[in-house]
Amino acid sequence: MRIRVRLWKCAAVLIGALVLAGPADAAQGGQKLDHALRNARSSARERVIIRSKPGRRAELRQALKACGHTLKGDHTSIDALTAELNVGCLQKLIANDVVDSVGQDADVHSSAYESGWTSVPSNTLRSTLGESEYSTGAGIGVAIIDSGIAPLPAFGGRIVGFYDFTSDGVVAKAPFDEYGHGTHVAGLIGAYDSQYMGVAPQAHFLGLRVLDKNGKGRTSHVIQAIEFAVANRARFNIHILNLSLGHPILAPAADDPLVQAVEAAVRAGLIVTVSAGNYGTNSDTGEIGYAGVTSPGNAPSAITVGAVNTKGTVSRADDEVTAYSSRGPTWYDGFVKPDVVAPGHALISVIDVNSYLYRKYRGLQQRRGKKRYIKLSGTSMATAVTTGVIATVLQASAWSSTLYEVQPLDLSANAVKAMLQYTALPLTGSDGAPVDELTQGTGEVNAEGAVRFAWAATVLTANPQAFLAYPEILTPASAIGGQTIGWATRITWGQNILLGDALAITSAWASNIIWGDNVIWGDNVIWGDNIIWGDNVIWGDNVIWGDNIVWGENVVWGENIVWGENVVWGESDNKVSTLSILGGR
C-alpha cells in the first residue's frame, strides 16, 4: 500500500503532443516556459503562474487583460500572477518583454510514504535526537502549510490561527483536517502527549490549509499561504514555515515560482523547512535513484530534509537513510541536497479518527488505551522532526540571552542551517563507508549538538571569553544512546561545501553568512564554478537510476564518484577514501 502519488510522470515528455513553443518561436520566448508547459498539448487551457520582470506586475496585468484571462491569484512577493488562459494568450505573453517566466500551477502533494513494519516505540523520538527535558520550543511559532490541523487535546490552546487557501482565496476558519497529514506533522513537531511526545511540545501553531481532503493542492495556493505567513509573522509570532509537500522540479530555481516564494520568505526573516521528496527508488525496479529532489526542496535558502529509519532504537548505530528518500543533486541547478536527514520512517503521531488517512489505511492505525494514533513514513515526517528541533534551537538561544543578560542573537535561516549541518551526525553504510553527501547531506539532525551550539553562540557573540573555563561546551561530539559520535563539522551551500574543525561565531550570524563562490577543500582542492552539466545526457523522467550517474563532462555520481580529475568520493579500487584524500579528516 502506498499513500503517495507518482508525480514524475507528469513531468515526462508527452509523446506525440504539440508543444506550446516550437523551434520557430523559441527565440521569442519559448525558453520562458517550464518543462511541463513546453510539453503540454496545444489545445489545452492552462492554469499558470506568470512572473513579470521586477516591478512590472501592473503591466503584466494589462497584458493579460488585453488577451483575455481568468485571474486566480496575485503574488506580490515574487512579482507574479496566477491565471487560467488559452494557448493563444500564452503565446502572446511569452513574446512580451514584461514576462520573465511562466510555470504550470502544478499540483502539490504531501510527502508521505508507506510505513513498513518497524515503528518507533513510545517517547523514543526525543531521546534519539538528544533532547533534554528543558527543550520544549516554548515561545516559538510554526506555520504548518499542509492539509490543516485537527484541534486535538495534544495541541491544547496552541493553535493560534487557522486559514484555508484551497479556493483561490484566504478564509479564516476553526481548525480542522479532513485528510490527516497536517495533523500528523503538527504532532511530530509539537504534540504534548504522554505516549508520543512531539519534539517541541510547547511550540505554537498557525494552520494554513492548502491540501484538500484527498491530500492534493495547487502551487499557487501554497504561495499564497507563504505570503500570508510572511505578512502575519509578527501577529502570530511565527519563526518557522514547515512545508512537508512538493511537486516535480520543472524549472531552474531562479524561475520556479514556489522556490522564489520560499526565498522571499527567508529574506523576510523566516526559517523554511521543506521535504526532499520520496523518489529515492524506482518503483518498478527498486533501484536507488539520484536527482529526485522535489520543489521547493531545490530552494537554496530552505532547509531540505531527507528521511532516516531509526529501526525503533535510541542508538544512532543502526540508523540508515531510507531507500525512498530523495537524493540530490537538484534538477537543473545541481545543488547539493538534502541539507540534512532526520528520523522519518514509521513515526507514530496523533490523528483525527475521522480523517481520510486514518479511515483509509486501517493497517496504519495505532491504539494506546483510548487514544488513537497513525503511523506514517516519509520526508514529510523527517521535515516535521527537523522543524521541532529548530524550535528548540531558537528557544535555547532566547533563553541563554536572558540567563546571561546578553543581547539576543536573531538567528537567520542561514545560521540555523549552518548549526544543523555542522552538528549533524554523519551516517555510514553497512560496510562502514561514509554515506555520500547527496544522500544524507552532512548527516542526521542532532538536537543535543545544535541546541548546545546555539546556547554557546548566543553568549560567545556578546562575550567571546565567557567559556574559557568550560571549553568542553563546544566539543564537536554528542553522546546519544550510549555512543559518543563526532559532528559533521562541515556545511554545504548550493554547489559549495565548507570543511573545518570549527566555525567562527560572530555577530554576522544574526543577519547573514557569506559563503563565497569557491570553497577550499583541504589544502589544495578547489570546487568552484567549473562544474558543468552536459547538454547531451538523457536522464529519463527526471530521476537517475543506478550506481553510475553522469553529471556534466567529467563527473560521475554513484558508488564510485569521480569529481574532476583527482577527487574521489566513496571508495576507489585501492580503497582510498575521500576523507584521507582531503587531509585525513
Protein backbone atom coordinates (compact mmCIF):
# COMPACT_ATOMS: atom_id res chain seq x y z
CA MET A 1 0.00 0.00 0.00
CA ARG A 2 1.27 3.44 -0.91
CA ILE A 3 -0.25 6.75 0.02
CA ARG A 4 1.87 8.80 -2.35
CA VAL A 5 1.26 9.64 -5.98
CA ARG A 6 3.88 9.06 -8.65
CA LEU A 7 4.50 12.65 -9.72
CA TRP A 8 7.44 12.30 -12.07
CA LYS A 9 5.26 11.05 -14.92
CA CYS A 10 3.56 14.43 -15.17
CA ALA A 11 6.97 15.94 -15.92
CA ALA A 12 7.76 13.45 -18.69
CA VAL A 13 7.55 14.33 -22.35
CA LEU A 14 4.11 13.65 -23.78
CA ILE A 15 4.78 11.53 -26.85
CA GLY A 16 3.20 13.00 -29.92
CA ALA A 17 1.97 16.12 -28.17
CA LEU A 18 2.19 19.50 -29.88
CA VAL A 19 4.38 21.78 -27.78
CA LEU A 20 3.39 25.34 -26.97
CA ALA A 21 6.62 26.87 -28.21
CA GLY A 22 8.27 25.19 -31.17
CA PRO A 23 11.64 25.94 -32.79
CA ALA A 24 10.32 28.90 -34.74
CA ASP A 25 9.21 30.88 -31.73
CA ALA A 26 11.61 29.58 -29.09
CA ALA A 27 13.89 32.58 -29.57
CA GLN A 28 10.91 34.88 -28.93
CA GLY A 29 10.05 33.44 -25.56
CA GLY A 30 9.56 29.67 -25.62
CA GLN A 31 12.51 29.36 -23.25
CA LYS A 32 10.44 31.24 -20.66
CA LEU A 33 8.16 28.21 -20.19
CA ASP A 34 8.85 25.50 -17.64
CA HIS A 35 9.23 21.84 -18.59
CA ALA A 36 5.56 20.95 -18.14
CA LEU A 37 4.30 23.82 -20.32
CA ARG A 38 6.84 23.22 -23.07
CA ASN A 39 5.42 19.73 -23.40
CA ALA A 40 1.72 20.43 -22.84
CA ARG A 41 -0.90 19.76 -25.52
CA SER A 42 -1.56 22.79 -27.68
CA SER A 43 -5.34 22.53 -27.30
CA ALA A 44 -5.29 22.68 -23.52
CA ARG A 45 -6.41 25.61 -21.42
CA GLU A 46 -3.66 26.08 -18.86
CA ARG A 47 -3.57 27.35 -15.31
CA VAL A 48 -0.21 29.08 -14.97
CA ILE A 49 1.89 31.26 -12.68
CA ILE A 50 3.40 34.15 -14.66
CA ARG A 51 6.31 36.11 -13.22
CA SER A 52 6.92 39.61 -14.54
CA LYS A 53 10.20 41.45 -14.72
CA PRO A 54 10.85 43.14 -11.35
CA GLY A 55 8.35 45.92 -10.63
CA ARG A 56 6.29 45.34 -13.80
CA ARG A 57 3.39 43.28 -12.42
CA ALA A 58 0.89 46.04 -13.30
CA GLU A 59 1.99 45.86 -16.95
CA LEU A 60 1.59 42.10 -16.84
CA ARG A 61 -1.95 42.52 -15.55
CA GLN A 62 -2.72 44.80 -18.50
CA ALA A 63 -1.22 42.29 -20.94
CA LEU A 64 -3.44 39.57 -19.50
CA LYS A 65 -6.47 41.82 -19.79
CA ALA A 66 -5.69 42.52 -23.42
CA CYS A 67 -5.73 38.87 -24.48
CA GLY A 68 -8.46 37.59 -22.17
CA HIS A 69 -7.84 35.63 -18.98
CA THR A 70 -9.23 34.45 -15.69
CA LEU A 71 -7.10 35.87 -12.88
CA LYS A 72 -6.79 33.44 -9.97
CA GLY A 73 -4.13 34.95 -7.74
CA ASP A 74 -1.78 37.87 -7.17
CA HIS A 75 1.65 37.15 -5.66
CA THR A 76 3.37 40.39 -4.77
CA SER A 77 6.44 38.80 -3.16
CA ILE A 78 7.56 37.22 -6.44
CA ASP A 79 6.03 39.72 -8.95
CA ALA A 80 3.65 37.08 -10.28
CA LEU A 81 0.04 36.42 -11.21
CA THR A 82 -1.83 33.14 -11.38
CA ALA A 83 -4.18 32.92 -14.33
CA GLU A 84 -6.15 30.46 -16.39
CA LEU A 85 -5.75 31.12 -20.09
CA ASN A 86 -5.73 29.57 -23.52
CA VAL A 87 -2.70 28.73 -25.60
CA GLY A 88 -3.10 31.74 -27.88
CA CYS A 89 -2.91 34.14 -24.95
CA LEU A 90 0.07 32.28 -23.54
CA GLN A 91 1.91 32.54 -26.87
CA LYS A 92 1.41 36.31 -26.85
CA LEU A 93 2.58 36.61 -23.29
CA ILE A 94 5.85 34.75 -23.70
CA ALA A 95 6.73 37.07 -26.59
CA ASN A 96 6.12 40.09 -24.34
CA ASP A 97 9.17 41.69 -22.73
CA VAL A 98 7.31 42.18 -19.46
CA VAL A 99 7.17 38.41 -18.84
CA ASP A 100 10.15 36.88 -17.07
CA SER A 101 9.00 33.23 -16.81
CA VAL A 102 5.86 31.11 -16.91
CA GLY A 103 5.32 27.95 -14.86
CA GLN A 104 2.47 25.49 -14.59
CA ASP A 105 0.34 25.91 -11.48
CA ALA A 106 1.44 22.38 -10.63
CA ASP A 107 -0.37 20.02 -8.32
CA VAL A 108 1.35 19.60 -4.97
CA HIS A 109 1.13 16.53 -2.76
CA SER A 110 2.26 15.61 0.72
CA SER A 111 5.50 13.67 1.08
CA ALA A 112 4.21 10.63 2.98
CA TYR A 113 5.16 7.07 2.12
CA GLU A 114 4.28 3.51 3.11
CA SER A 115 5.47 2.65 6.60
CA GLY A 116 6.59 -0.97 6.57
CA TRP A 117 6.52 -2.92 9.83
CA THR A 118 9.01 -1.18 12.10
CA SER A 119 7.68 1.64 14.23
CA VAL A 120 9.19 3.95 16.82
CA PRO A 121 8.22 2.93 20.39
CA SER A 122 6.54 5.40 22.71
CA ASN A 123 8.58 8.51 23.50
CA THR A 124 11.90 7.50 21.96
CA LEU A 125 11.94 10.24 19.32
CA ARG A 126 13.15 13.00 21.64
CA SER A 127 15.73 10.62 23.12
CA THR A 128 17.30 9.68 19.78
CA LEU A 129 17.52 13.39 18.97
CA GLY A 130 19.36 14.02 22.23
CA GLU A 131 16.69 16.42 23.53
CA SER A 132 16.74 17.44 27.20
CA GLU A 133 13.62 17.99 29.28
CA TYR A 134 14.20 21.74 29.00
CA SER A 135 13.99 21.77 25.21
CA THR A 136 10.33 22.41 24.52
CA GLY A 137 10.14 25.10 21.83
CA ALA A 138 8.32 27.44 24.22
CA GLY A 139 7.67 30.84 22.66
CA ILE A 140 8.40 29.67 19.11
CA GLY A 141 5.68 29.80 16.42
CA VAL A 142 5.45 27.41 13.48
CA ALA A 143 3.28 27.90 10.39
CA ILE A 144 2.24 24.49 9.04
CA ILE A 145 1.35 24.74 5.35
CA ASP A 146 -0.43 21.46 4.80
CA SER A 147 -3.86 19.81 4.95
CA GLY A 148 -4.84 21.50 8.21
CA ILE A 149 -4.59 20.76 11.92
CA ALA A 150 -7.28 18.99 13.94
CA PRO A 151 -7.92 20.70 17.32
CA LEU A 152 -6.88 17.70 19.40
CA PRO A 153 -6.14 17.78 23.15
CA ALA A 154 -2.45 17.24 22.37
CA PHE A 155 -2.30 20.78 20.97
CA GLY A 156 -4.14 22.42 23.86
CA GLY A 157 -4.72 26.08 23.05
CA ARG A 158 -1.56 26.33 20.94
CA ILE A 159 -3.26 26.63 17.52
CA VAL A 160 -3.22 30.44 17.38
CA GLY A 161 -4.81 30.81 13.95
CA PHE A 162 -6.23 28.78 11.06
CA TYR A 163 -6.81 29.82 7.44
CA ASP A 164 -7.99 27.95 4.34
CA PHE A 165 -6.42 28.70 0.92
CA THR A 166 -7.93 25.87 -1.14
CA SER A 167 -10.45 28.07 -3.00
CA ASP A 168 -8.25 30.77 -4.61
CA GLY A 169 -8.52 32.99 -1.56
CA VAL A 170 -7.98 33.08 2.17
CA VAL A 171 -10.77 32.22 4.62
CA ALA A 172 -10.42 32.21 8.41
CA LYS A 173 -11.92 29.04 9.88
CA ALA A 174 -11.94 26.93 13.00
CA PRO A 175 -9.09 24.37 12.82
CA PHE A 176 -9.84 21.08 11.02
CA ASP A 177 -8.07 18.46 8.92
CA GLU A 178 -10.09 16.21 6.61
CA TYR A 179 -7.01 14.50 5.19
CA GLY A 180 -4.93 13.98 8.34
CA HIS A 181 -1.41 14.63 7.08
CA GLY A 182 -1.08 18.11 8.58
CA THR A 183 -2.21 16.88 12.00
CA HIS A 184 0.39 14.10 11.97
CA VAL A 185 3.06 16.63 11.01
CA ALA A 186 1.94 19.03 13.75
CA GLY A 187 2.02 16.18 16.25
CA LEU A 188 5.61 15.29 15.40
CA ILE A 189 6.60 18.92 15.75
CA GLY A 190 4.86 19.65 18.99
CA ALA A 191 2.18 17.31 20.37
CA TYR A 192 2.01 17.27 24.16
CA ASP A 193 1.13 13.61 24.59
CA SER A 194 2.05 11.03 27.21
CA GLN A 195 2.69 8.33 24.59
CA TYR A 196 4.13 10.14 21.59
CA MET A 197 5.54 13.49 22.67
CA GLY A 198 6.41 15.92 19.89
CA VAL A 199 9.93 17.30 19.52
CA ALA A 200 8.92 20.79 20.72
CA PRO A 201 5.78 20.23 22.84
CA GLN A 202 5.34 23.87 23.81
CA ALA A 203 5.65 25.44 20.35
CA HIS A 204 2.52 27.10 18.97
CA PHE A 205 0.99 26.70 15.51
CA LEU A 206 -0.53 28.68 12.68
CA GLY A 207 -2.50 26.29 10.46
CA LEU A 208 -2.53 27.20 6.76
CA ARG A 209 -4.60 24.70 4.76
CA VAL A 210 -3.54 24.22 1.13
CA LEU A 211 -4.23 20.48 0.64
CA ASP A 212 -7.81 19.25 0.27
CA LYS A 213 -9.50 16.21 1.79
CA ASN A 214 -7.63 13.98 -0.69
CA GLY A 215 -4.21 15.47 0.05
CA LYS A 216 -3.96 17.48 -3.17
CA GLY A 217 -3.41 21.17 -3.74
CA ARG A 218 -2.07 23.81 -6.12
CA THR A 219 1.26 25.58 -6.17
CA SER A 220 -0.44 28.98 -6.26
CA HIS A 221 -2.29 28.20 -3.03
CA VAL A 222 0.97 27.26 -1.32
CA ILE A 223 2.50 30.56 -2.49
CA GLN A 224 -0.50 32.47 -1.12
CA ALA A 225 -0.09 30.71 2.23
CA ILE A 226 3.63 31.51 2.34
CA GLU A 227 2.92 35.17 1.62
CA PHE A 228 0.23 35.20 4.33
CA ALA A 229 2.67 33.75 6.86
CA VAL A 230 5.25 36.40 5.98
CA ALA A 231 2.71 39.23 6.25
CA ASN A 232 1.39 37.96 9.61
CA ARG A 233 4.58 36.64 11.19
CA ALA A 234 4.61 39.32 13.91
CA ARG A 235 0.89 38.96 14.63
CA PHE A 236 1.22 35.22 15.31
CA ASN A 237 4.88 35.25 16.45
CA ILE A 238 5.88 32.91 13.61
CA HIS A 239 9.53 31.88 13.20
CA ILE A 240 9.41 28.73 11.04
CA LEU A 241 7.46 27.55 7.98
CA ASN A 242 7.01 23.78 7.59
CA LEU A 243 6.41 22.59 4.01
CA SER A 244 6.03 18.81 4.00
CA LEU A 245 4.86 18.82 0.39
CA GLY A 246 6.08 19.47 -3.14
CA HIS A 247 5.91 18.83 -6.86
CA PRO A 248 8.44 17.76 -9.53
CA ILE A 249 11.13 20.31 -10.35
CA LEU A 250 10.00 21.82 -13.65
CA ALA A 251 12.38 24.78 -13.98
CA PRO A 252 15.64 26.15 -12.59
CA ALA A 253 15.34 27.51 -9.06
CA ALA A 254 15.54 31.09 -10.34
CA ASP A 255 12.41 30.52 -12.45
CA ASP A 256 10.47 28.27 -10.07
CA PRO A 257 7.61 30.31 -8.51
CA LEU A 258 7.39 28.11 -5.40
CA VAL A 259 11.14 28.29 -4.83
CA GLN A 260 11.10 32.05 -5.24
CA ALA A 261 8.28 32.35 -2.70
CA VAL A 262 10.37 30.35 -0.24
CA GLU A 263 13.40 32.54 -0.93
CA ALA A 264 11.29 35.66 -0.33
CA ALA A 265 10.08 34.23 2.99
CA VAL A 266 13.67 33.62 4.09
CA ARG A 267 14.65 37.16 3.11
CA ALA A 268 11.74 38.37 5.26
CA GLY A 269 13.26 36.59 8.28
CA LEU A 270 11.53 33.21 8.39
CA ILE A 271 13.20 29.80 8.53
CA VAL A 272 11.73 27.38 5.99
CA THR A 273 11.98 23.59 6.26
CA VAL A 274 10.95 21.51 3.24
CA SER A 275 10.79 17.83 2.40
CA ALA A 276 13.26 16.37 -0.09
CA GLY A 277 10.59 14.08 -1.57
CA ASN A 278 10.10 10.32 -1.67
CA TYR A 279 11.61 9.49 -5.06
CA GLY A 280 14.78 7.72 -4.00
CA THR A 281 13.88 4.38 -5.59
CA ASN A 282 12.50 3.28 -8.91
CA SER A 283 9.04 1.91 -8.11
CA ASP A 284 9.36 -0.72 -10.85
CA THR A 285 12.92 -1.97 -10.32
CA GLY A 286 13.73 -0.91 -6.75
CA GLU A 287 16.97 0.74 -7.88
CA ILE A 288 18.32 3.68 -5.88
CA GLY A 289 17.97 6.92 -7.83
CA TYR A 290 19.58 10.35 -7.69
CA ALA A 291 18.23 13.81 -8.65
CA GLY A 292 14.77 13.00 -7.29
CA VAL A 293 14.50 16.06 -5.00
CA THR A 294 11.17 17.86 -5.42
CA SER A 295 10.34 21.57 -5.45
CA PRO A 296 10.69 23.57 -3.22
CA GLY A 297 13.45 21.28 -1.93
CA ASN A 298 15.67 22.93 -4.54
CA ALA A 299 15.35 26.31 -2.83
CA PRO A 300 18.91 27.30 -1.85
CA SER A 301 17.82 29.02 1.37
CA ALA A 302 15.45 26.28 2.52
CA ILE A 303 16.49 23.54 4.92
CA THR A 304 15.79 20.46 2.81
CA VAL A 305 15.34 17.22 4.74
CA GLY A 306 15.65 13.54 3.84
CA ALA A 307 14.33 10.61 5.88
CA VAL A 308 16.11 8.18 8.20
CA ASN A 309 14.93 4.82 9.55
CA THR A 310 15.98 4.65 13.21
CA LYS A 311 14.86 0.98 13.49
CA GLY A 312 12.90 1.98 16.58
CA THR A 313 16.02 2.44 18.73
CA VAL A 314 17.55 5.43 20.50
CA SER A 315 21.04 4.48 19.31
CA ARG A 316 22.29 6.02 16.09
CA ALA A 317 24.42 2.96 15.30
CA ASP A 318 21.67 1.24 13.29
CA ASP A 319 20.23 4.34 11.61
CA GLU A 320 20.11 4.43 7.82
CA VAL A 321 18.73 6.72 5.15
CA THR A 322 15.57 5.17 3.75
CA ALA A 323 15.65 3.90 0.19
CA TYR A 324 12.71 6.11 -0.79
CA SER A 325 14.25 9.36 0.50
CA SER A 326 15.07 11.59 -2.50
CA ARG A 327 18.74 12.13 -3.25
CA GLY A 328 20.42 15.11 -4.90
CA PRO A 329 21.68 16.80 -6.90
CA THR A 330 18.74 19.06 -7.69
CA TRP A 331 17.47 19.03 -11.24
CA TYR A 332 18.73 21.90 -13.49
CA ASP A 333 20.88 23.66 -10.86
CA GLY A 334 22.90 20.78 -9.43
CA PHE A 335 22.58 21.93 -5.82
CA VAL A 336 23.78 19.51 -3.17
CA LYS A 337 20.58 18.50 -1.40
CA PRO A 338 19.25 17.37 1.02
CA ASP A 339 20.92 19.55 3.64
CA VAL A 340 20.35 17.06 6.48
CA VAL A 341 18.36 13.92 7.19
CA ALA A 342 16.15 13.16 10.21
CA PRO A 343 14.01 10.37 11.65
CA GLY A 344 11.09 9.95 9.27
CA HIS A 345 10.29 6.25 8.97
CA ALA A 346 7.34 4.59 10.73
CA LEU A 347 6.74 7.50 13.08
CA ILE A 348 3.59 7.45 15.19
CA SER A 349 1.71 10.65 15.93
CA VAL A 350 -1.71 12.00 16.80
CA ILE A 351 -4.55 11.95 14.27
CA ASP A 352 -8.23 12.81 13.87
CA VAL A 353 -10.04 9.46 13.62
CA ASN A 354 -12.42 10.97 11.06
CA SER A 355 -9.64 11.97 8.68
CA TYR A 356 -9.12 10.30 5.31
CA LEU A 357 -5.76 8.70 6.13
CA TYR A 358 -6.97 7.14 9.37
CA ARG A 359 -10.13 5.72 7.81
CA LYS A 360 -8.49 4.59 4.57
CA TYR A 361 -5.41 2.80 5.94
CA ARG A 362 -6.54 0.63 8.79
CA GLY A 363 -3.17 -1.13 8.90
CA LEU A 364 -1.51 2.14 9.93
CA GLN A 365 -3.85 2.76 12.86
CA GLN A 366 -2.31 2.60 16.32
CA ARG A 367 -4.11 2.36 19.67
CA ARG A 368 -2.84 3.09 23.17
CA GLY A 369 -5.73 2.67 25.59
CA LYS A 370 -8.42 5.10 24.50
CA LYS A 371 -6.04 7.16 22.40
CA ARG A 372 -5.76 6.82 18.62
CA TYR A 373 -2.66 7.44 16.50
CA ILE A 374 -1.41 6.71 12.99
CA LYS A 375 1.96 5.50 11.73
CA LEU A 376 3.31 7.31 8.67
CA SER A 377 6.66 7.46 6.91
CA GLY A 378 8.34 9.87 4.55
CA THR A 379 10.38 13.00 4.20
CA SER A 380 7.23 14.84 5.35
CA MET A 381 7.76 13.31 8.77
CA ALA A 382 11.51 13.99 8.75
CA THR A 383 10.83 17.63 7.89
CA ALA A 384 8.45 17.94 10.84
CA VAL A 385 11.05 16.46 13.18
CA THR A 386 13.63 18.96 11.92
CA THR A 387 11.18 21.83 12.39
CA GLY A 388 10.73 20.74 16.00
CA VAL A 389 14.49 20.68 16.51
CA ILE A 390 14.80 24.19 15.08
CA ALA A 391 12.14 25.41 17.51
CA THR A 392 14.25 24.11 20.42
CA VAL A 393 17.37 25.72 18.93
CA LEU A 394 15.64 29.11 18.75
CA GLN A 395 14.32 28.62 22.29
CA ALA A 396 17.83 27.83 23.56
CA SER A 397 19.25 30.98 22.01
CA ALA A 398 16.49 33.12 23.53
CA TRP A 399 16.85 31.56 26.97
CA SER A 400 20.63 31.87 27.06
CA SER A 401 20.41 35.58 26.23
CA THR A 402 18.02 36.04 29.14
CA LEU A 403 20.01 33.91 31.57
CA TYR A 404 23.35 35.60 30.82
CA GLU A 405 21.82 39.04 30.22
CA VAL A 406 23.28 39.44 26.75
CA GLN A 407 21.82 40.76 23.51
CA PRO A 408 19.55 38.16 21.87
CA LEU A 409 21.02 36.53 18.77
CA ASP A 410 18.45 36.91 16.00
CA LEU A 411 19.40 33.72 14.19
CA SER A 412 18.90 33.86 10.44
CA ALA A 413 17.83 30.90 8.31
CA ASN A 414 21.40 30.57 7.06
CA ALA A 415 22.79 30.50 10.59
CA VAL A 416 20.31 27.84 11.71
CA LYS A 417 21.06 25.71 8.67
CA ALA A 418 24.76 26.04 9.40
CA MET A 419 24.22 24.93 13.01
CA LEU A 420 22.15 21.91 11.96
CA GLN A 421 24.66 20.84 9.32
CA TYR A 422 27.76 21.47 11.41
CA THR A 423 26.44 19.49 14.39
CA ALA A 424 24.81 16.71 12.33
CA LEU A 425 25.95 13.14 12.97
CA PRO A 426 27.24 11.53 9.73
CA LEU A 427 25.89 8.11 8.83
CA THR A 428 27.86 5.18 7.49
CA GLY A 429 26.71 2.28 5.38
CA SER A 430 26.64 -1.38 6.38
CA ASP A 431 30.22 -1.66 5.08
CA GLY A 432 31.39 1.17 7.33
CA ALA A 433 31.94 3.60 4.45
CA PRO A 434 30.55 7.14 4.75
CA VAL A 435 27.15 7.69 3.14
CA ASP A 436 27.52 10.12 0.23
CA GLU A 437 26.60 13.80 0.54
CA LEU A 438 23.78 13.58 -1.99
CA THR A 439 22.02 11.00 0.16
CA GLN A 440 22.43 12.33 3.71
CA GLY A 441 23.52 15.96 3.35
CA THR A 442 26.02 16.41 6.17
CA GLY A 443 24.27 13.82 8.34
CA GLU A 444 21.42 13.14 10.74
CA VAL A 445 19.98 16.01 12.76
CA ASN A 446 21.43 16.23 16.27
CA ALA A 447 19.31 18.31 18.64
CA GLU A 448 21.76 17.98 21.52
CA GLY A 449 24.59 19.47 19.49
CA ALA A 450 22.53 22.14 17.71
CA VAL A 451 20.94 23.35 20.94
CA ARG A 452 24.30 23.43 22.72
CA PHE A 453 25.84 25.28 19.79
CA ALA A 454 23.01 27.85 19.74
CA TRP A 455 23.29 28.35 23.51
CA ALA A 456 27.02 28.91 23.32
CA ALA A 457 26.85 31.04 20.18
CA THR A 458 24.45 33.48 21.81
CA VAL A 459 26.75 34.05 24.76
CA LEU A 460 30.04 33.98 22.86
CA THR A 461 28.81 36.59 20.40
CA ALA A 462 28.44 39.05 23.28
CA ASN A 463 31.40 37.81 25.33
CA PRO A 464 34.00 35.66 23.50
CA GLN A 465 35.80 34.97 26.79
CA ALA A 466 32.73 33.57 28.55
CA PHE A 467 33.52 29.90 28.13
CA LEU A 468 37.30 29.89 28.54
CA ALA A 469 36.80 27.96 31.78
CA TYR A 470 34.45 25.48 30.06
CA PRO A 471 35.97 24.63 26.66
CA GLU A 472 34.04 21.35 26.56
CA ILE A 473 30.86 23.31 25.83
CA LEU A 474 31.95 23.40 22.18
CA THR A 475 33.31 19.86 21.98
CA PRO A 476 32.24 18.72 18.47
CA ALA A 477 30.69 15.42 19.58
CA SER A 478 27.44 14.22 21.18
CA ALA A 479 26.60 11.23 23.36
CA ILE A 480 23.34 9.55 22.29
CA GLY A 481 22.17 6.06 23.17
CA GLY A 482 25.39 5.23 24.97
CA GLN A 483 27.57 6.17 21.99
CA THR A 484 29.70 9.30 21.52
CA ILE A 485 29.61 10.44 17.90
CA GLY A 486 31.62 13.20 16.24
CA TRP A 487 29.81 16.04 14.50
CA ALA A 488 29.99 16.54 10.74
CA THR A 489 31.83 19.88 11.20
CA ARG A 490 31.05 20.92 7.65
CA ILE A 491 28.47 22.95 5.77
CA THR A 492 27.05 22.72 2.25
CA TRP A 493 25.61 25.64 0.36
CA GLY A 494 24.33 25.30 -3.20
CA GLN A 495 27.27 23.77 -5.05
CA ASN A 496 29.76 24.67 -2.30
CA ILE A 497 30.95 22.69 0.70
CA LEU A 498 32.92 24.11 3.61
CA LEU A 499 35.04 21.82 5.76
CA GLY A 500 36.67 22.89 9.00
CA ASP A 501 37.41 21.98 12.60
CA ALA A 502 35.44 24.94 13.89
CA LEU A 503 33.21 27.79 12.72
CA ALA A 504 33.76 31.34 13.89
CA ILE A 505 30.82 32.63 15.93
CA THR A 506 30.34 36.29 15.17
CA SER A 507 27.56 38.85 15.18
CA ALA A 508 27.33 38.38 11.41
CA TRP A 509 25.33 35.23 12.15
CA ALA A 510 22.47 37.46 13.24
CA SER A 511 21.82 38.58 9.67
CA ASN A 512 23.81 36.70 7.09
CA ILE A 513 26.61 34.32 6.22
CA ILE A 514 28.90 34.92 3.27
CA TRP A 515 29.70 31.65 1.57
CA GLY A 516 31.70 32.72 -1.50
CA ASP A 517 31.88 31.21 -4.98
CA ASN A 518 34.90 29.00 -4.40
CA VAL A 519 35.28 26.89 -1.30
CA ILE A 520 38.60 25.25 -0.48
CA TRP A 521 38.61 21.56 0.43
CA GLY A 522 41.64 20.69 2.50
CA ASP A 523 44.88 22.32 1.36
CA ASN A 524 44.75 22.12 -2.40
CA VAL A 525 41.35 21.08 -3.75
CA ILE A 526 39.01 23.76 -5.05
CA TRP A 527 35.42 23.20 -6.13
CA GLY A 528 34.09 26.37 -7.69
CA ASP A 529 32.20 27.50 -10.77
CA ASN A 530 33.68 24.93 -13.15
CA ILE A 531 31.10 22.16 -12.72
CA ILE A 532 29.19 21.74 -15.99
CA TRP A 533 26.01 19.81 -16.61
CA GLY A 534 26.27 18.28 -20.07
CA ASP A 535 23.59 19.13 -22.62
CA ASN A 536 23.72 15.70 -24.24
CA VAL A 537 22.96 13.49 -21.26
CA ILE A 538 19.50 11.89 -21.25
CA TRP A 539 18.18 11.16 -17.77
CA GLY A 540 14.74 9.71 -18.45
CA ASP A 541 11.89 11.06 -16.34
CA ASN A 542 13.98 13.38 -14.16
CA VAL A 543 15.28 10.66 -11.81
CA ILE A 544 18.64 8.98 -12.34
CA TRP A 545 18.61 5.28 -11.56
CA GLY A 546 21.54 3.01 -10.92
CA ASP A 547 25.02 3.24 -9.46
CA ASN A 548 26.84 5.21 -12.16
CA ILE A 549 25.38 8.65 -12.81
CA VAL A 550 26.94 11.07 -15.29
CA TRP A 551 26.92 14.72 -14.31
CA GLY A 552 28.44 17.05 -16.87
CA GLU A 553 31.56 16.13 -18.84
CA ASN A 554 33.70 14.52 -16.17
CA VAL A 555 31.64 13.91 -13.04
CA VAL A 556 30.16 10.55 -12.18
CA TRP A 557 27.85 10.16 -9.18
CA GLY A 558 27.31 6.71 -7.74
CA GLU A 559 29.13 4.15 -5.63
CA ASN A 560 32.40 5.29 -7.21
CA ILE A 561 32.08 9.04 -7.63
CA VAL A 562 34.75 10.82 -9.63
CA TRP A 563 34.83 14.59 -9.21
CA GLY A 564 37.04 16.38 -11.70
CA GLU A 565 40.46 14.83 -12.33
CA ASN A 566 41.71 13.99 -8.86
CA VAL A 567 38.98 13.86 -6.24
CA VAL A 568 37.16 10.63 -5.44
CA TRP A 569 34.08 10.25 -3.25
CA GLY A 570 33.41 6.85 -1.73
CA GLU A 571 35.91 4.06 -2.30
CA SER A 572 38.25 3.69 -5.24
CA ASP A 573 39.89 0.46 -6.40
CA ASN A 574 42.70 0.89 -3.88
CA LYS A 575 40.23 1.63 -1.05
CA VAL A 576 41.43 5.21 -0.54
CA SER A 577 38.54 7.16 0.95
CA THR A 578 37.50 10.74 0.39
CA LEU A 579 38.48 11.69 3.92
CA SER A 580 42.06 10.55 3.51
CA ILE A 581 42.37 12.43 0.22
CA LEU A 582 41.12 15.58 1.89
CA GLY A 583 43.69 15.54 4.65
CA GLY A 584 42.83 12.53 6.81
CA ARG A 585 39.73 14.06 8.41
